[in-house]
Amino acid sequence: QRGWLAREDGLPRPGDILVWPFTYPPRGTQHIGIAVQQNGRLMLLSNLSGTLGTVPIQPGYLAFHKPL
């Protein structure tokens, strides 16, 4: 197996790519971010708010990791 694989337990870890499985209208795009550790909390690094920053991870994101 190569590339990025879905986490079997579904729990994100720092460095994972997180994908929102639903699309946002009007263009039907998906949101993608990276799980990062910040001040002892797992956060989502993305441009979800219009600028690059971190927000708490909401339930529903799919976590993908790259095996060593």
PDB file of N, CA and C in Angstrom:
ATOM      1  N   GLN A   1       0.841  -1.175   0.000  1.00  0.00           N
ATOM      2  CA  GLN A   1       0.000   0.000   0.000  1.00  0.00           C
ATOM      3  C   GLN A   1       0.882   1.233   0.000  1.00  0.00           C
ATOM      4  N   ARG A   2       0.486   2.219  -0.794  1.00  0.00           N
ATOM      5  CA  ARG A   2       1.244   3.456  -0.861  1.00  0.00           C
ATOM      6  C   ARG A   2       0.284   4.624  -0.832  1.00  0.00           C
ATOM      7  N   GLY A   3       0.813   5.796  -0.554  1.00  0.00           N
ATOM      8  CA  GLY A   3      -0.021   6.992  -0.527  1.00  0.00           C
ATOM      9  C   GLY A   3      -0.668   7.201   0.824  1.00  0.00           C
ATOM     10  N   TRP A   4      -1.714   8.006   0.828  1.00  0.00           N
ATOM     11  CA  TRP A   4      -2.438   8.341   2.054  1.00  0.00           C
ATOM     12  C   TRP A   4      -3.576   7.353   2.254  1.00  0.00           C
ATOM     13  N   LEU A   5      -3.686   6.803   3.464  1.00  0.00           N
ATOM     14  CA  LEU A   5      -4.710   5.811   3.782  1.00  0.00           C
ATOM     15  C   LEU A   5      -5.640   6.341   4.861  1.00  0.00           C
ATOM     16  N   ALA A   6      -6.898   5.952   4.800  1.00  0.00           N
ATOM     17  CA  ALA A   6      -7.858   6.345   5.832  1.00  0.00           C
ATOM     18  C   ALA A   6      -7.484   5.673   7.149  1.00  0.00           C
ATOM     19  N   ARG A   7      -7.612   6.412   8.232  1.00  0.00           N
ATOM     20  CA  ARG A   7      -7.378   5.839   9.562  1.00  0.00           C
ATOM     21  C   ARG A   7      -8.478   4.835   9.866  1.00  0.00           C
ATOM     22  N   GLU A   8      -8.086   3.634  10.267  1.00  0.00           N
ATOM     23  CA  GLU A   8      -9.075   2.600  10.555  1.00  0.00           C
ATOM     24  C   GLU A   8      -9.942   2.969  11.746  1.00  0.00           C
ATOM     25  N   ASP A   9      -9.339   3.614  12.775  1.00  0.00           N
ATOM     26  CA  ASP A   9     -10.118   3.986  13.955  1.00  0.00           C
ATOM     27  C   ASP A   9     -10.817   5.339  13.776  1.00  0.00           C
ATOM     28  N   GLY A  10     -10.490   6.060  12.696  1.00  0.00           N
ATOM     29  CA  GLY A  10     -11.136   7.331  12.408  1.00  0.00           C
ATOM     30  C   GLY A  10     -10.661   8.500  13.249  1.00  0.00           C
ATOM     31  N   LEU A  11      -9.727   8.271  14.183  1.00  0.00           N
ATOM     32  CA  LEU A  11      -9.261   9.332  15.068  1.00  0.00           C
ATOM     33  C   LEU A  11      -8.048  10.037  14.472  1.00  0.00           C
ATOM     34  N   PRO A  12      -8.140  11.358  14.249  1.00  0.00           N
ATOM     35  CA  PRO A  12      -7.016  12.086  13.663  1.00  0.00           C
ATOM     36  C   PRO A  12      -5.847  12.208  14.635  1.00  0.00           C
ATOM     37  N   ARG A  13      -4.650  12.278  14.056  1.00  0.00           N
ATOM     38  CA  ARG A  13      -3.417  12.476  14.818  1.00  0.00           C
ATOM     39  C   ARG A  13      -2.642  13.599  14.135  1.00  0.00           C
ATOM     40  N   PRO A  14      -1.732  14.262  14.874  1.00  0.00           N
ATOM     41  CA  PRO A  14      -0.961  15.347  14.259  1.00  0.00           C
ATOM     42  C   PRO A  14      -0.299  14.891  12.957  1.00  0.00           C
ATOM     43  N   GLY A  15      -0.420  15.722  11.917  1.00  0.00           N
ATOM     44  CA  GLY A  15       0.156  15.414  10.613  1.00  0.00           C
ATOM     45  C   GLY A  15      -0.809  14.756   9.651  1.00  0.00           C
ATOM     46  N   ASP A  16      -1.955  14.316  10.143  1.00  0.00           N
ATOM     47  CA  ASP A  16      -2.961  13.704   9.269  1.00  0.00           C
ATOM     48  C   ASP A  16      -3.615  14.763   8.379  1.00  0.00           C
ATOM     49  N   ILE A  17      -4.030  14.350   7.198  1.00  0.00           N
ATOM     50  CA  ILE A  17      -4.847  15.196   6.338  1.00  0.00           C
ATOM     51  C   ILE A  17      -6.304  14.915   6.698  1.00  0.00           C
ATOM     52  N   LEU A  18      -7.065  15.990   6.931  1.00  0.00           N
ATOM     53  CA  LEU A  18      -8.478  15.850   7.282  1.00  0.00           C
ATOM     54  C   LEU A  18      -9.330  16.350   6.119  1.00  0.00           C
ATOM     55  N   VAL A  19     -10.322  15.556   5.744  1.00  0.00           N
ATOM     56  CA  VAL A  19     -11.188  15.885   4.618  1.00  0.00           C
ATOM     57  C   VAL A  19     -12.634  15.886   5.104  1.00  0.00           C
ATOM     58  N   TRP A  20     -13.340  16.988   4.817  1.00  0.00           N
ATOM     59  CA  TRP A  20     -14.768  17.043   5.097  1.00  0.00           C
ATOM     60  C   TRP A  20     -15.451  16.240   3.987  1.00  0.00           C
ATOM     61  N   PRO A  21     -16.217  15.195   4.328  1.00  0.00           N
ATOM     62  CA  PRO A  21     -16.745  14.283   3.304  1.00  0.00           C
ATOM     63  C   PRO A  21     -17.914  14.834   2.491  1.00  0.00           C
ATOM     64  N   PHE A  22     -18.409  16.016   2.849  1.00  0.00           N
ATOM     65  CA  PHE A  22     -19.547  16.591   2.147  1.00  0.00           C
ATOM     66  C   PHE A  22     -19.082  17.796   1.345  1.00  0.00           C
ATOM     67  N   THR A  23     -19.837  18.205   0.364  1.00  0.00           N
ATOM     68  CA  THR A  23     -19.456  19.353  -0.458  1.00  0.00           C
ATOM     69  C   THR A  23     -20.188  20.609   0.003  1.00  0.00           C
ATOM     70  N   TYR A  24     -19.523  21.750  -0.251  1.00  0.00           N
ATOM     71  CA  TYR A  24     -20.113  23.048   0.057  1.00  0.00           C
ATOM     72  C   TYR A  24     -20.632  23.682  -1.224  1.00  0.00           C
ATOM     73  N   PRO A  25     -21.893  24.131  -1.237  1.00  0.00           N
ATOM     74  CA  PRO A  25     -22.374  24.850  -2.403  1.00  0.00           C
ATOM     75  C   PRO A  25     -21.771  26.252  -2.423  1.00  0.00           C
ATOM     76  N   PRO A  26     -21.730  27.007  -3.476  1.00  0.00           N
ATOM     77  CA  PRO A  26     -22.362  26.680  -4.748  1.00  0.00           C
ATOM     78  C   PRO A  26     -21.450  25.891  -5.672  1.00  0.00           C
ATOM     79  N   ARG A  27     -20.139  25.841  -5.406  1.00  0.00           N
ATOM     80  CA  ARG A  27     -19.225  25.175  -6.336  1.00  0.00           C
ATOM     81  C   ARG A  27     -19.068  23.691  -6.055  1.00  0.00           C
ATOM     82  N   GLY A  28     -19.623  23.210  -4.967  1.00  0.00           N
ATOM     83  CA  GLY A  28     -19.527  21.794  -4.644  1.00  0.00           C
ATOM     84  C   GLY A  28     -18.121  21.361  -4.290  1.00  0.00           C
ATOM     85  N   THR A  29     -17.394  22.173  -3.509  1.00  0.00           N
ATOM     86  CA  THR A  29     -16.021  21.847  -3.148  1.00  0.00           C
ATOM     87  C   THR A  29     -15.969  21.179  -1.775  1.00  0.00           C
ATOM     88  N   GLN A  30     -14.928  20.401  -1.549  1.00  0.00           N
ATOM     89  CA  GLN A  30     -14.704  19.792  -0.244  1.00  0.00           C
ATOM     90  C   GLN A  30     -13.658  20.601   0.500  1.00  0.00           C
ATOM     91  N   HIS A  31     -13.722  20.560   1.837  1.00  0.00           N
ATOM     92  CA  HIS A  31     -12.744  21.263   2.644  1.00  0.00           C
ATOM     93  C   HIS A  31     -11.667  20.288   3.099  1.00  0.00           C
ATOM     94  N   ILE A  32     -10.398  20.715   3.027  1.00  0.00           N
ATOM     95  CA  ILE A  32      -9.260  19.895   3.421  1.00  0.00           C
ATOM     96  C   ILE A  32      -8.380  20.699   4.369  1.00  0.00           C
ATOM     97  N   GLY A  33      -7.852  20.043   5.402  1.00  0.00           N
ATOM     98  CA  GLY A  33      -6.944  20.686   6.346  1.00  0.00           C
ATOM     99  C   GLY A  33      -5.959  19.673   6.896  1.00  0.00           C
ATOM    100  N   ILE A  34      -5.125  20.126   7.818  1.00  0.00           N
ATOM    101  CA  ILE A  34      -4.108  19.270   8.434  1.00  0.00           C
ATOM    102  C   ILE A  34      -4.300  19.308   9.943  1.00  0.00           C
ATOM    103  N   ALA A  35      -4.230  18.158  10.584  1.00  0.00           N
ATOM    104  CA  ALA A  35      -4.318  18.083  12.034  1.00  0.00           C
ATOM    105  C   ALA A  35      -2.976  18.504  12.637  1.00  0.00           C
ATOM    106  N   VAL A  36      -3.020  19.451  13.591  1.00  0.00           N
ATOM    107  CA  VAL A  36      -1.811  19.930  14.259  1.00  0.00           C
ATOM    108  C   VAL A  36      -2.042  19.967  15.761  1.00  0.00           C
ATOM    109  N   GLN A  37      -0.959  19.828  16.519  1.00  0.00           N
ATOM    110  CA  GLN A  37      -1.011  19.938  17.968  1.00  0.00           C
ATOM    111  C   GLN A  37      -0.735  21.387  18.329  1.00  0.00           C
ATOM    112  N   GLN A  38      -1.628  22.025  19.110  1.00  0.00           N
ATOM    113  CA  GLN A  38      -1.457  23.414  19.500  1.00  0.00           C
ATOM    114  C   GLN A  38      -1.911  23.589  20.945  1.00  0.00           C
ATOM    115  N   ASN A  39      -0.983  23.990  21.796  1.00  0.00           N
ATOM    116  CA  ASN A  39      -1.288  24.203  23.216  1.00  0.00           C
ATOM    117  C   ASN A  39      -1.951  22.984  23.849  1.00  0.00           C
ATOM    118  N   GLY A  40      -1.446  21.805  23.511  1.00  0.00           N
ATOM    119  CA  GLY A  40      -1.967  20.571  24.095  1.00  0.00           C
ATOM    120  C   GLY A  40      -3.278  20.088  23.514  1.00  0.00           C
ATOM    121  N   ARG A  41      -3.773  20.742  22.455  1.00  0.00           N
ATOM    122  CA  ARG A  41      -5.030  20.338  21.824  1.00  0.00           C
ATOM    123  C   ARG A  41      -4.793  20.002  20.362  1.00  0.00           C
ATOM    124  N   LEU A  42      -5.557  19.065  19.850  1.00  0.00           N
ATOM    125  CA  LEU A  42      -5.496  18.733  18.424  1.00  0.00           C
ATOM    126  C   LEU A  42      -6.407  19.699  17.688  1.00  0.00           C
ATOM    127  N   MET A  43      -5.861  20.420  16.706  1.00  0.00           N
ATOM    128  CA  MET A  43      -6.588  21.466  15.997  1.00  0.00           C
ATOM    129  C   MET A  43      -6.515  21.215  14.492  1.00  0.00           C
ATOM    130  N   LEU A  44      -7.373  21.901  13.749  1.00  0.00           N
ATOM    131  CA  LEU A  44      -7.398  21.829  12.297  1.00  0.00           C
ATOM    132  C   LEU A  44      -6.719  23.075  11.741  1.00  0.00           C
ATOM    133  N   LEU A  45      -5.638  22.893  10.992  1.00  0.00           N
ATOM    134  CA  LEU A  45      -4.954  23.990  10.313  1.00  0.00           C
ATOM    135  C   LEU A  45      -5.513  24.075   8.906  1.00  0.00           C
ATOM    136  N   SER A  46      -6.139  25.220   8.582  1.00  0.00           N
ATOM    137  CA  SER A  46      -6.757  25.362   7.261  1.00  0.00           C
ATOM    138  C   SER A  46      -7.072  26.828   7.004  1.00  0.00           C
ATOM    139  N   ASN A  47      -7.671  27.078   5.847  1.00  0.00           N
ATOM    140  CA  ASN A  47      -8.128  28.419   5.510  1.00  0.00           C
ATOM    141  C   ASN A  47      -9.652  28.486   5.577  1.00  0.00           C
ATOM    142  N   LEU A  48     -10.238  27.718   6.467  1.00  0.00           N
ATOM    143  CA  LEU A  48     -11.695  27.646   6.586  1.00  0.00           C
ATOM    144  C   LEU A  48     -12.320  29.005   6.858  1.00  0.00           C
ATOM    145  N   SER A  49     -11.656  29.855   7.634  1.00  0.00           N
ATOM    146  CA  SER A  49     -12.222  31.166   7.963  1.00  0.00           C
ATOM    147  C   SER A  49     -11.809  32.243   6.964  1.00  0.00           C
ATOM    148  N   GLY A  50     -11.145  31.869   5.886  1.00  0.00           N
ATOM    149  CA  GLY A  50     -10.720  32.831   4.880  1.00  0.00           C
ATOM    150  C   GLY A  50      -9.247  33.166   4.945  1.00  0.00           C
ATOM    151  N   THR A  51      -8.612  32.918   6.082  1.00  0.00           N
ATOM    152  CA  THR A  51      -7.166  33.081   6.229  1.00  0.00           C
ATOM    153  C   THR A  51      -6.620  31.836   6.912  1.00  0.00           C
ATOM    154  N   LEU A  52      -5.341  31.579   6.724  1.00  0.00           N
ATOM    155  CA  LEU A  52      -4.730  30.392   7.322  1.00  0.00           C
ATOM    156  C   LEU A  52      -4.713  30.526   8.838  1.00  0.00           C
ATOM    157  N   GLY A  53      -5.231  29.529   9.515  1.00  0.00           N
ATOM    158  CA  GLY A  53      -5.275  29.535  10.971  1.00  0.00           C
ATOM    159  C   GLY A  53      -5.760  28.200  11.487  1.00  0.00           C
ATOM    160  N   THR A  54      -5.927  28.110  12.793  1.00  0.00           N
ATOM    161  CA  THR A  54      -6.377  26.868  13.411  1.00  0.00           C
ATOM    162  C   THR A  54      -7.749  27.052  14.045  1.00  0.00           C
ATOM    163  N   VAL A  55      -8.520  25.985  14.003  1.00  0.00           N
ATOM    164  CA  VAL A  55      -9.835  25.924  14.638  1.00  0.00           C
ATOM    165  C   VAL A  55      -9.985  24.531  15.240  1.00  0.00           C
ATOM    166  N   PRO A  56     -10.840  24.367  16.249  1.00  0.00           N
ATOM    167  CA  PRO A  56     -11.080  23.029  16.782  1.00  0.00           C
ATOM    168  C   PRO A  56     -11.620  22.093  15.699  1.00  0.00           C
ATOM    169  N   ILE A  57     -11.236  20.843  15.762  1.00  0.00           N
ATOM    170  CA  ILE A  57     -11.702  19.850  14.790  1.00  0.00           C
ATOM    171  C   ILE A  57     -13.136  19.462  15.139  1.00  0.00           C
ATOM    172  N   GLN A  58     -14.025  19.584  14.178  1.00  0.00           N
ATOM    173  CA  GLN A  58     -15.424  19.210  14.361  1.00  0.00           C
ATOM    174  C   GLN A  58     -15.623  17.743  13.993  1.00  0.00           C
ATOM    175  N   PRO A  59     -16.567  17.066  14.639  1.00  0.00           N
ATOM    176  CA  PRO A  59     -16.852  15.685  14.253  1.00  0.00           C
ATOM    177  C   PRO A  59     -17.288  15.610  12.792  1.00  0.00           C
ATOM    178  N   GLY A  60     -16.898  14.558  12.105  1.00  0.00           N
ATOM    179  CA  GLY A  60     -17.304  14.346  10.723  1.00  0.00           C
ATOM    180  C   GLY A  60     -16.157  14.340   9.738  1.00  0.00           C
ATOM    181  N   TYR A  61     -14.997  14.924  10.118  1.00  0.00           N
ATOM    182  CA  TYR A  61     -13.855  14.917   9.212  1.00  0.00           C
ATOM    183  C   TYR A  61     -13.297  13.499   9.093  1.00  0.00           C
ATOM    184  N   LEU A  62     -12.858  13.132   7.898  1.00  0.00           N
ATOM    185  CA  LEU A  62     -12.195  11.853   7.674  1.00  0.00           C
ATOM    186  C   LEU A  62     -10.692  12.079   7.780  1.00  0.00           C
ATOM    187  N   ALA A  63      -9.998  11.224   8.528  1.00  0.00           N
ATOM    188  CA  ALA A  63      -8.549  11.370   8.747  1.00  0.00           C
ATOM    189  C   ALA A  63      -7.792  10.400   7.852  1.00  0.00           C
ATOM    190  N   PHE A  64      -6.750  10.922   7.182  1.00  0.00           N
ATOM    191  CA  PHE A  64      -5.885  10.116   6.326  1.00  0.00           C
ATOM    192  C   PHE A  64      -4.438  10.291   6.788  1.00  0.00           C
ATOM    193  N   HIS A  65      -3.674   9.202   6.781  1.00  0.00           N
ATOM    194  CA  HIS A  65      -2.266   9.246   7.193  1.00  0.00           C
ATOM    195  C   HIS A  65      -1.398   8.588   6.123  1.00  0.00           C
ATOM    196  N   LYS A  66      -0.129   8.920   6.163  1.00  0.00           N
ATOM    197  CA  LYS A  66       0.818   8.317   5.226  1.00  0.00           C
ATOM    198  C   LYS A  66       1.667   7.323   6.011  1.00  0.00           C
ATOM    199  N   PRO A  67       1.531   6.021   5.740  1.00  0.00           N
ATOM    200  CA  PRO A  67       2.308   5.013   6.456  1.00  0.00           C
ATOM    201  C   PRO A  67       3.807   5.187   6.178  1.00  0.00           C
ATOM    202  N   LEU A  68       4.606   4.800   7.143  1.00  0.00           N
ATOM    203  CA  LEU A  68       6.061   4.915   6.983  1.00  0.00           C
ATOM    204  C   LEU A  68       6.619   3.895   6.036  1.00  0.00           C
TER     205      LEU A  68
END
